[in-house]
Protein backbone atom coordinates (compact mmCIF):
# COMPACT_ATOMS: atom_id res chain seq x y z
CA MET A 1 59.22 -10.03 -58.88
CA GLU A 2 58.99 -6.27 -58.73
CA LYS A 3 55.54 -6.46 -60.39
CA ILE A 4 54.41 -8.94 -57.75
CA HIS A 5 55.58 -6.60 -54.99
CA LEU A 6 53.78 -3.68 -56.58
CA TYR A 7 50.63 -5.80 -56.96
CA LEU A 8 50.76 -6.88 -53.32
CA ILE A 9 51.37 -3.31 -52.15
CA GLY A 10 48.38 -2.18 -54.25
CA ARG A 11 46.16 -4.89 -52.79
CA CYS A 12 47.19 -3.95 -49.23
CA LEU A 13 46.45 -0.28 -49.87
CA SER A 14 43.09 -1.21 -51.40
CA LEU A 15 42.23 -3.45 -48.42
CA ARG A 16 43.35 -0.71 -46.01
CA ARG A 17 41.09 1.79 -47.75
CA LYS A 18 38.18 -0.64 -47.49
CA VAL A 19 38.83 -1.25 -43.80
CA LEU A 20 39.18 2.47 -43.17
CA ASN A 21 36.02 3.19 -45.17
CA LYS A 22 34.16 0.46 -43.29
CA SER A 23 35.39 1.80 -39.94
CA PHE A 24 34.54 5.32 -41.02
CA PHE A 25 30.98 4.44 -42.00
CA LEU A 26 30.59 2.22 -38.92
CA GLY A 27 31.75 5.16 -36.79
CA ILE A 28 29.35 7.50 -38.57
CA GLY A 29 26.56 4.96 -38.05
CA MET A 30 27.34 4.64 -34.35
CA LEU A 31 27.53 8.44 -34.04
CA LEU A 32 24.15 8.82 -35.74
CA MET A 33 22.70 6.14 -33.44
CA PHE A 34 23.98 7.96 -30.35
CA ILE A 35 22.64 11.24 -31.70
CA HIS A 36 19.26 9.55 -32.25
CA VAL A 37 19.27 8.09 -28.73
CA ASP A 38 20.28 11.45 -27.27
CA HIS A 39 17.50 13.06 -29.26
CA LEU A 40 14.96 10.56 -27.91
CA LEU A 41 16.17 11.09 -24.36
CA ALA A 42 16.04 14.86 -24.83
CA LYS A 43 12.55 14.51 -26.25
CA GLU A 44 11.52 12.43 -23.23
CA GLU A 45 13.04 14.96 -20.82
CA THR A 46 11.30 17.88 -22.50
CA GLU A 47 8.14 16.03 -23.53
CA GLU A 48 5.27 18.43 -23.96
CA LEU A 49 1.93 17.37 -22.55
CA ALA A 50 -1.48 19.01 -22.55
CA ASN A 51 -0.66 21.21 -25.54
CA GLU A 52 -4.33 22.08 -25.96
CA ALA A 53 -4.70 23.35 -22.37
CA THR A 54 -3.54 26.60 -20.75
CA SER A 55 -1.61 24.98 -17.92
CA ALA A 56 -0.87 21.57 -16.46
CA PHE A 57 0.93 20.15 -13.45
CA ILE A 58 1.80 16.70 -12.10
CA MET A 59 2.82 16.02 -8.50
CA GLU A 60 3.39 12.85 -6.53
CA ALA A 61 1.24 13.34 -3.45
CA ASP A 62 3.36 11.68 -0.75
CA THR A 63 6.74 13.18 -1.65
CA GLY A 64 5.51 16.41 -3.21
CA GLN A 65 7.86 15.80 -6.14
CA ILE A 66 7.03 17.70 -9.33
CA LEU A 67 6.90 15.40 -12.35
CA TYR A 68 5.64 17.87 -14.97
CA ASN A 69 5.01 21.59 -15.21
CA LYS A 70 3.42 23.65 -17.97
CA ASN A 71 2.60 27.29 -17.15
CA ALA A 72 1.84 26.00 -13.66
CA GLU A 73 2.37 29.38 -11.99
CA GLU A 74 0.01 31.30 -14.29
CA LYS A 75 -2.86 32.89 -12.34
CA LEU A 76 -6.16 31.56 -13.68
CA PRO A 77 -9.80 31.33 -12.56
CA PRO A 78 -10.26 27.86 -11.00
CA ALA A 79 -14.06 27.63 -11.32
CA SER A 80 -15.39 24.81 -9.11
CA MET A 81 -11.91 23.50 -8.33
CA THR A 82 -12.19 26.23 -5.68
CA LYS A 83 -14.17 23.63 -3.73
CA ILE A 84 -10.96 21.68 -3.07
CA MET A 85 -10.13 24.38 -0.51
CA THR A 86 -13.73 24.37 0.72
CA LEU A 87 -13.49 20.62 1.29
CA LEU A 88 -10.12 20.99 3.02
CA LEU A 89 -11.54 23.37 5.64
CA ILE A 90 -14.56 21.13 6.20
CA MET A 91 -12.31 18.10 6.73
CA GLU A 92 -10.17 20.09 9.17
CA SER A 93 -13.28 21.05 11.13
CA LEU A 94 -14.31 17.39 11.28
CA GLU A 95 -10.88 16.40 12.58
CA GLU A 96 -10.95 19.15 15.20
CA GLY A 97 -14.37 17.95 16.35
CA SER A 98 -16.07 21.32 15.88
CA ILE A 99 -18.54 19.61 13.54
CA GLU A 100 -19.70 15.99 13.13
CA LEU A 101 -20.82 14.02 10.08
CA ASP A 102 -24.32 13.50 11.48
CA ASP A 103 -24.82 17.19 12.36
CA LYS A 104 -27.92 18.73 10.75
CA VAL A 105 -27.16 21.74 8.54
CA THR A 106 -30.01 24.17 7.81
CA THR A 107 -30.00 25.80 4.37
CA SER A 108 -30.09 29.60 4.43
CA LYS A 109 -31.88 31.77 1.90
CA ARG A 110 -28.51 32.78 0.46
CA ALA A 111 -27.32 29.18 0.10
CA ALA A 112 -30.58 28.17 -1.61
CA SER A 113 -30.26 31.05 -4.08
CA MET A 114 -26.92 29.90 -5.55
CA GLY A 115 -26.98 29.29 -9.29
CA GLY A 116 -24.79 27.04 -11.38
CA SER A 117 -24.18 23.46 -10.24
CA GLN A 118 -26.48 22.65 -7.33
CA ILE A 119 -28.37 19.94 -5.48
CA PHE A 120 -31.45 22.19 -5.34
CA LEU A 121 -31.53 22.88 -1.63
CA GLU A 122 -34.56 24.82 -0.44
CA GLU A 123 -34.48 27.51 2.21
CA GLY A 124 -34.86 25.90 5.63
CA GLU A 125 -34.10 22.39 4.30
CA GLU A 126 -31.90 20.27 6.54
CA MET A 127 -29.22 17.84 5.47
CA THR A 128 -26.44 16.18 7.42
CA VAL A 129 -22.81 17.18 6.98
CA ASP A 130 -22.31 13.77 5.39
CA GLU A 131 -24.99 14.49 2.78
CA MET A 132 -23.67 18.01 2.15
CA LEU A 133 -20.19 16.56 1.54
CA LYS A 134 -21.64 14.26 -1.11
CA GLY A 135 -23.39 17.24 -2.67
CA ILE A 136 -20.10 19.17 -2.89
CA ALA A 137 -17.68 16.37 -3.82
CA VAL A 138 -19.87 14.49 -6.30
CA ALA A 139 -22.29 17.02 -7.78
CA SER A 140 -20.21 20.18 -7.17
CA GLY A 141 -23.20 21.81 -5.48
CA ASN A 142 -22.74 25.55 -5.03
CA ASP A 143 -25.68 25.64 -2.64
CA ALA A 144 -24.16 22.88 -0.50
CA SER A 145 -20.81 24.70 -0.46
CA VAL A 146 -22.33 27.91 0.85
CA ALA A 147 -24.50 26.07 3.38
CA MET A 148 -21.43 24.28 4.77
CA ALA A 149 -19.34 27.48 4.79
CA GLU A 150 -22.01 29.18 6.88
CA TYR A 151 -22.25 26.20 9.21
CA VAL A 152 -18.47 25.95 9.77
CA ALA A 153 -17.64 29.65 10.10
CA GLY A 154 -20.95 31.42 10.79
CA THR A 155 -20.98 33.31 7.49
CA GLU A 156 -19.60 32.67 4.02
CA GLU A 157 -17.44 35.81 4.36
CA LYS A 158 -15.73 34.43 7.49
CA PHE A 159 -15.21 31.11 5.75
CA ILE A 160 -13.61 32.89 2.78
CA ASP A 161 -11.24 34.60 5.21
CA LYS A 162 -10.31 31.14 6.51
CA MET A 163 -9.72 29.96 2.92
CA ASN A 164 -7.26 32.79 2.29
CA GLU A 165 -5.57 32.26 5.65
CA LYS A 166 -5.12 28.59 4.78
CA ALA A 167 -3.64 29.55 1.41
CA LYS A 168 -1.03 31.67 3.21
CA GLU A 169 -0.36 28.85 5.68
CA LEU A 170 0.34 26.53 2.75
CA GLY A 171 2.73 29.09 1.27
CA LEU A 172 0.58 29.88 -1.77
CA GLU A 173 1.54 33.27 -3.14
CA ASN A 174 -0.57 33.13 -6.31
CA THR A 175 -3.97 32.28 -4.85
CA THR A 176 -6.82 34.52 -3.71
CA PHE A 177 -10.40 33.41 -3.06
CA GLN A 178 -13.49 35.61 -3.18
CA ASN A 179 -16.09 32.86 -2.73
CA THR A 180 -16.45 29.20 -1.76
CA THR A 181 -17.88 27.99 -5.06
CA GLY A 182 -15.72 29.21 -7.92
CA LEU A 183 -18.49 31.22 -9.54
CA PRO A 184 -16.96 34.10 -11.61
CA SER A 185 -15.65 36.93 -9.44
CA ASP A 186 -13.01 39.62 -9.82
CA ASP A 187 -9.69 38.85 -8.13
CA HIS A 188 -10.57 35.17 -7.64
CA TYR A 189 -7.65 33.14 -8.96
CA THR A 190 -5.13 30.39 -8.35
CA THR A 191 -2.59 28.34 -10.30
CA ALA A 192 -2.23 24.71 -11.31
CA GLN A 193 0.68 24.31 -8.89
CA ASP A 194 -1.20 25.90 -5.99
CA LEU A 195 -4.20 23.65 -6.63
CA ALA A 196 -1.92 20.62 -6.46
CA VAL A 197 -0.61 21.80 -3.07
CA ILE A 198 -4.16 22.33 -1.76
CA SER A 199 -5.11 18.88 -3.07
CA GLN A 200 -2.07 17.35 -1.38
CA ALA A 201 -3.21 18.87 1.93
CA LEU A 202 -6.78 17.61 1.39
CA LEU A 203 -5.63 14.07 0.59
CA ARG A 204 -4.06 13.77 4.04
CA TYR A 205 -7.69 13.27 5.11
CA GLU A 206 -8.05 9.91 3.41
CA ASN A 207 -11.77 9.63 4.17
CA VAL A 208 -12.45 12.47 1.70
CA LEU A 209 -11.90 9.85 -1.01
CA GLU A 210 -15.03 8.07 0.20
CA TYR A 211 -16.90 11.02 -1.29
CA THR A 212 -14.79 12.00 -4.31
CA SER A 213 -14.59 8.37 -5.54
CA LEU A 214 -18.38 7.96 -5.72
CA TYR A 215 -19.58 7.82 -9.29
CA GLU A 216 -23.24 8.00 -8.36
CA ASP A 217 -25.45 8.19 -5.26
CA TYR A 218 -28.75 9.66 -4.10
CA LEU A 219 -29.88 12.47 -1.83
CA ARG A 220 -33.40 12.50 -0.31
CA GLU A 221 -33.69 8.87 -1.45
CA GLY A 222 -37.26 7.59 -1.51
CA LYS A 223 -38.75 11.10 -1.30
CA GLU A 224 -40.59 13.05 -3.99
CA ASN A 225 -37.62 15.38 -4.44
CA GLU A 226 -35.07 12.53 -4.63
CA PHE A 227 -31.87 13.74 -6.31
CA TRP A 228 -29.57 11.53 -8.34
CA LEU A 229 -25.92 12.44 -7.86
CA VAL A 230 -23.57 11.72 -10.77
CA ASN A 231 -19.92 12.57 -10.42
CA THR A 232 -18.82 15.46 -12.61
CA ASN A 233 -15.44 13.66 -12.91
CA PRO A 234 -15.97 10.72 -15.32
CA LEU A 235 -12.40 9.47 -14.83
CA VAL A 236 -13.63 8.03 -11.53
CA ARG A 237 -15.38 5.37 -13.61
CA HIS A 238 -13.25 5.28 -16.74
CA TYR A 239 -9.63 5.44 -15.54
CA ASN A 240 -8.32 2.65 -13.34
CA GLY A 241 -7.16 3.98 -9.97
CA VAL A 242 -8.78 7.43 -10.14
CA ASP A 243 -10.68 8.23 -6.93
CA GLY A 244 -10.98 12.03 -7.10
CA LEU A 245 -10.80 14.93 -7.08
CA LYS A 246 -12.67 17.93 -8.59
CA THR A 247 -13.80 19.37 -11.91
CA GLY A 248 -14.53 22.99 -12.75
CA PHE A 249 -16.11 24.98 -15.57
CA THR A 250 -17.06 28.55 -16.31
CA LYS A 251 -16.99 30.35 -19.63
CA GLU A 252 -13.97 32.32 -18.45
CA ALA A 253 -12.06 29.38 -16.92
CA LYS A 254 -13.02 26.82 -19.61
CA TYR A 255 -12.86 23.12 -18.63
CA ASN A 256 -10.65 22.17 -15.68
CA LEU A 257 -9.90 19.02 -13.72
CA THR A 258 -7.82 18.16 -10.71
CA ALA A 259 -7.50 14.37 -10.70
CA THR A 260 -5.85 11.90 -8.38
CA ALA A 261 -5.11 8.20 -8.76
CA GLU A 262 -3.10 5.59 -6.90
CA LYS A 263 -1.23 2.62 -8.36
CA ASP A 264 1.46 0.45 -6.79
CA GLY A 265 1.62 2.67 -3.71
CA MET A 266 2.24 5.87 -5.70
CA ARG A 267 -0.48 8.56 -5.59
CA ILE A 268 -0.44 11.08 -8.41
CA ILE A 269 -2.14 14.49 -8.49
CA THR A 270 -2.70 16.12 -11.88
CA VAL A 271 -4.12 19.57 -12.53
CA LEU A 272 -5.37 20.64 -15.95
CA MET A 273 -6.67 24.16 -16.62
CA GLY A 274 -8.17 25.77 -19.67
CA ALA A 275 -9.25 22.86 -21.90
CA GLU A 276 -11.70 23.63 -24.70
CA SER A 277 -14.22 20.86 -24.02
CA PRO A 278 -15.09 18.18 -21.47
CA LYS A 279 -13.79 15.53 -23.88
CA GLU A 280 -10.44 17.32 -24.21
CA ARG A 281 -10.26 17.85 -20.43
CA ASN A 282 -10.76 14.14 -19.76
CA ARG A 283 -8.37 12.99 -22.51
CA LEU A 284 -5.58 15.36 -21.52
CA SER A 285 -5.94 14.51 -17.82
CA ALA A 286 -5.70 10.82 -18.66
CA GLU A 287 -2.53 11.53 -20.65
CA LEU A 288 -1.01 13.32 -17.65
CA LEU A 289 -1.78 10.30 -15.46
CA ASP A 290 -0.41 7.92 -18.09
CA PHE A 291 2.84 9.89 -18.28
CA ALA A 292 3.26 9.82 -14.50
CA PHE A 293 2.59 6.11 -14.02
CA GLN A 294 4.37 4.86 -17.13
CA ASN A 295 7.59 6.77 -16.54
CA HIS A 296 8.08 6.78 -12.77
CA ASP A 297 8.52 4.39 -9.84
CA TYR A 298 7.86 5.01 -6.17
CA HIS A 299 10.57 3.87 -3.76
CA VAL A 300 9.80 3.65 -0.04
CA LEU A 301 12.87 4.28 2.12
CA ALA A 302 11.06 4.08 5.50
CA GLU A 303 7.40 3.33 6.12
CA LYS A 304 4.75 5.45 7.80
CA GLY A 305 4.36 4.36 11.43
CA GLU A 306 7.81 2.77 11.59
CA ASP A 307 9.58 3.30 14.93
CA ILE A 308 12.75 5.27 14.24
CA THR A 309 14.07 6.08 17.73
CA GLU A 310 12.80 7.45 21.05
CA VAL A 311 12.98 10.73 22.94
CA THR A 312 13.32 11.54 26.63
CA VAL A 313 10.24 13.14 28.22
CA GLU A 314 10.84 15.69 30.94
CA LYS A 315 8.22 15.62 33.75
CA GLY A 316 6.29 12.96 31.88
CA LYS A 317 4.34 9.94 33.07
CA GLN A 318 6.67 7.90 30.83
CA SER A 319 10.36 8.70 30.79
CA VAL A 320 10.66 8.02 27.05
CA VAL A 321 8.25 7.97 24.09
CA PRO A 322 8.83 6.27 20.70
CA ILE A 323 9.33 8.47 17.64
CA THR A 324 7.81 7.51 14.32
CA LEU A 325 7.12 8.73 10.78
CA ARG A 326 3.80 10.45 10.10
CA GLN A 327 4.24 9.77 6.35
CA ASN A 328 6.30 7.43 4.22
CA ALA A 329 9.83 8.59 3.54
CA ALA A 330 9.93 7.92 -0.17
CA VAL A 331 11.34 9.16 -3.46
CA VAL A 332 10.04 9.04 -7.04
CA LEU A 333 12.53 8.15 -9.77
CA ARG A 334 12.35 7.72 -13.54
CA LYS A 335 11.75 4.07 -14.40
CA GLY A 336 14.93 2.04 -14.59
CA ARG A 337 16.98 4.25 -12.31
CA GLN A 338 18.30 2.51 -9.20
CA LEU A 339 19.22 4.00 -5.84
CA ASN A 340 22.83 3.57 -4.71
CA ASP A 341 24.80 4.30 -1.53
CA ILE A 342 21.79 5.42 0.53
CA LYS A 343 22.51 6.78 3.99
CA ARG A 344 20.04 8.03 6.56
CA LYS A 345 20.41 10.69 9.24
CA VAL A 346 18.17 11.09 12.29
CA ILE A 347 17.91 14.57 13.83
CA VAL A 348 15.90 14.62 17.07
CA SER A 349 15.36 17.01 19.97
CA ASP A 350 17.30 16.09 23.13
CA SER A 351 14.02 15.91 25.04
CA VAL A 352 10.40 17.06 25.12
CA THR A 353 8.51 18.47 28.08
CA ALA A 354 5.20 16.91 29.12
CA PRO A 355 2.42 17.27 28.34
CA ALA A 356 3.05 16.62 24.65
CA LYS A 357 0.50 15.51 22.07
CA GLN A 358 0.62 12.47 19.84
CA HIS A 359 2.10 13.46 16.45
CA ASP A 360 3.89 16.52 17.84
CA GLU A 361 6.95 17.08 15.63
CA VAL A 362 10.26 16.37 17.37
CA GLY A 363 12.77 15.95 14.56
CA THR A 364 13.49 14.91 10.99
CA LEU A 365 14.62 11.83 9.11
CA GLN A 366 16.87 12.52 6.13
CA PHE A 367 18.03 10.22 3.35
CA TYR A 368 21.10 10.92 1.22
CA GLU A 369 22.39 9.35 -1.99
CA ASN A 370 26.10 9.92 -2.60
CA GLY A 371 25.96 12.89 -0.24
CA GLU A 372 22.94 14.51 -1.95
CA LEU A 373 19.71 14.94 0.03
CA LEU A 374 16.98 12.77 -1.48
CA THR A 375 14.14 13.39 0.94
CA GLU A 376 13.41 14.69 4.43
CA LYS A 377 10.39 13.77 6.55
CA SER A 378 9.10 14.87 9.94
CA LEU A 379 9.53 12.63 12.96
CA VAL A 380 6.65 12.76 15.45
CA LEU A 381 5.71 11.35 18.82
CA LYS A 382 4.06 7.96 18.39
CA ASP A 383 2.02 8.35 21.55
CA GLU A 384 0.75 11.09 23.82
CA ALA A 385 3.17 12.09 26.58
CA PRO A 386 1.01 13.12 29.59
CA SER A 387 2.45 14.89 32.60
CA ALA A 388 3.48 12.82 35.59
CA SER A 389 1.68 13.27 38.90
CA TRP A 390 3.49 14.92 41.81
CA ALA A 391 3.75 11.52 43.47
CA VAL A 392 5.45 10.00 40.43
CA LEU A 393 7.83 12.97 40.11
CA PHE A 394 8.70 12.78 43.82
CA LYS A 395 9.33 9.05 43.65
CA ARG A 396 11.46 9.48 40.51
CA THR A 397 13.51 12.28 42.13
CA LEU A 398 13.98 10.23 45.31
CA SER A 399 15.12 7.25 43.28
CA THR A 400 17.65 9.40 41.42
CA MET A 401 19.02 10.86 44.67
CA THR A 402 19.26 7.41 46.27
CA GLY A 403 21.12 6.12 43.22
CA LYS A 404 23.64 8.97 43.45
CA LEU A 405 24.18 8.43 47.20
CA SER A 406 24.76 4.76 46.71
């Protein structure tokens, strides 16, 4: 009997050891699995892109959210990506009405003498602003850039001053321009991050994409000096969704590309600087776009143009004017992450005084998740608020007084 008890005790101890060993190795296996998952997540969080380039940057255009950054604040020569700022000032002039698309621009001797990329303008030759924009956006024409700078500002030097003033207005501390073209010049530099900010400002003028998205077109069509335009950015044809923006190359700068694409309502801006070849530039830029679209989702919290509230207008023809969003209030999240406990806060001026312009800023719309600010967007007047006539003001005052007396 004692032997049986000893045998049973031995079997129990043996089974216990097996169970413990199994649990131990199962625990080790689970631990290794978690370590592997953590390693993968860490790798995803710190994923290195554009290893073969000097710097790279990814931004979502609507929200301004930064999705990737590699040496993005390093000052570098931008080459022809300089023309993103040139295009921005031209689009602003068009919006202001100081120039029109069908205006005739006469080519100066200086503009015609520009080397590098060009559309071969001759001194005294006339082209419309529309044609010049094609020459800059598609063919990266240095001659067209200088001709337009002179037309907008009077001289290229005055236009360059406007470029640098705009850089300051945009809060760019690492950008200085010495010309409108990007041809090599001392103290002419910017950064990948600054170029993304300039591109974001340019893309607010959506009609610029009518030019930057063209893969090919013609200038002087049907004439002896007809010129075939082919976009220097091949991603416009070879990457689905790409509709801009600007390439650049000099020996010093190497091969650069600021690209933009839109998919599922999300517009991405990528900036790549310092690639060794056009092939590398295109491949690495495509990888930046892939990373952005494959790993992120765009969530709209309130839509552009949506009426949010209204504001009282002092001395206005209308007593109140609706307030709306100039841009989507949105946030970009890693794929799979869901938003929870979203609250919104409207902050608006008590009143505005007429006259007030359409799109004048009058407040902000904020969205919070669990008490943390997700995004903040400007609220603007939906309509113009003109001043009331003396007759209207008198009638309104009389009505108020009568109401108080009664």
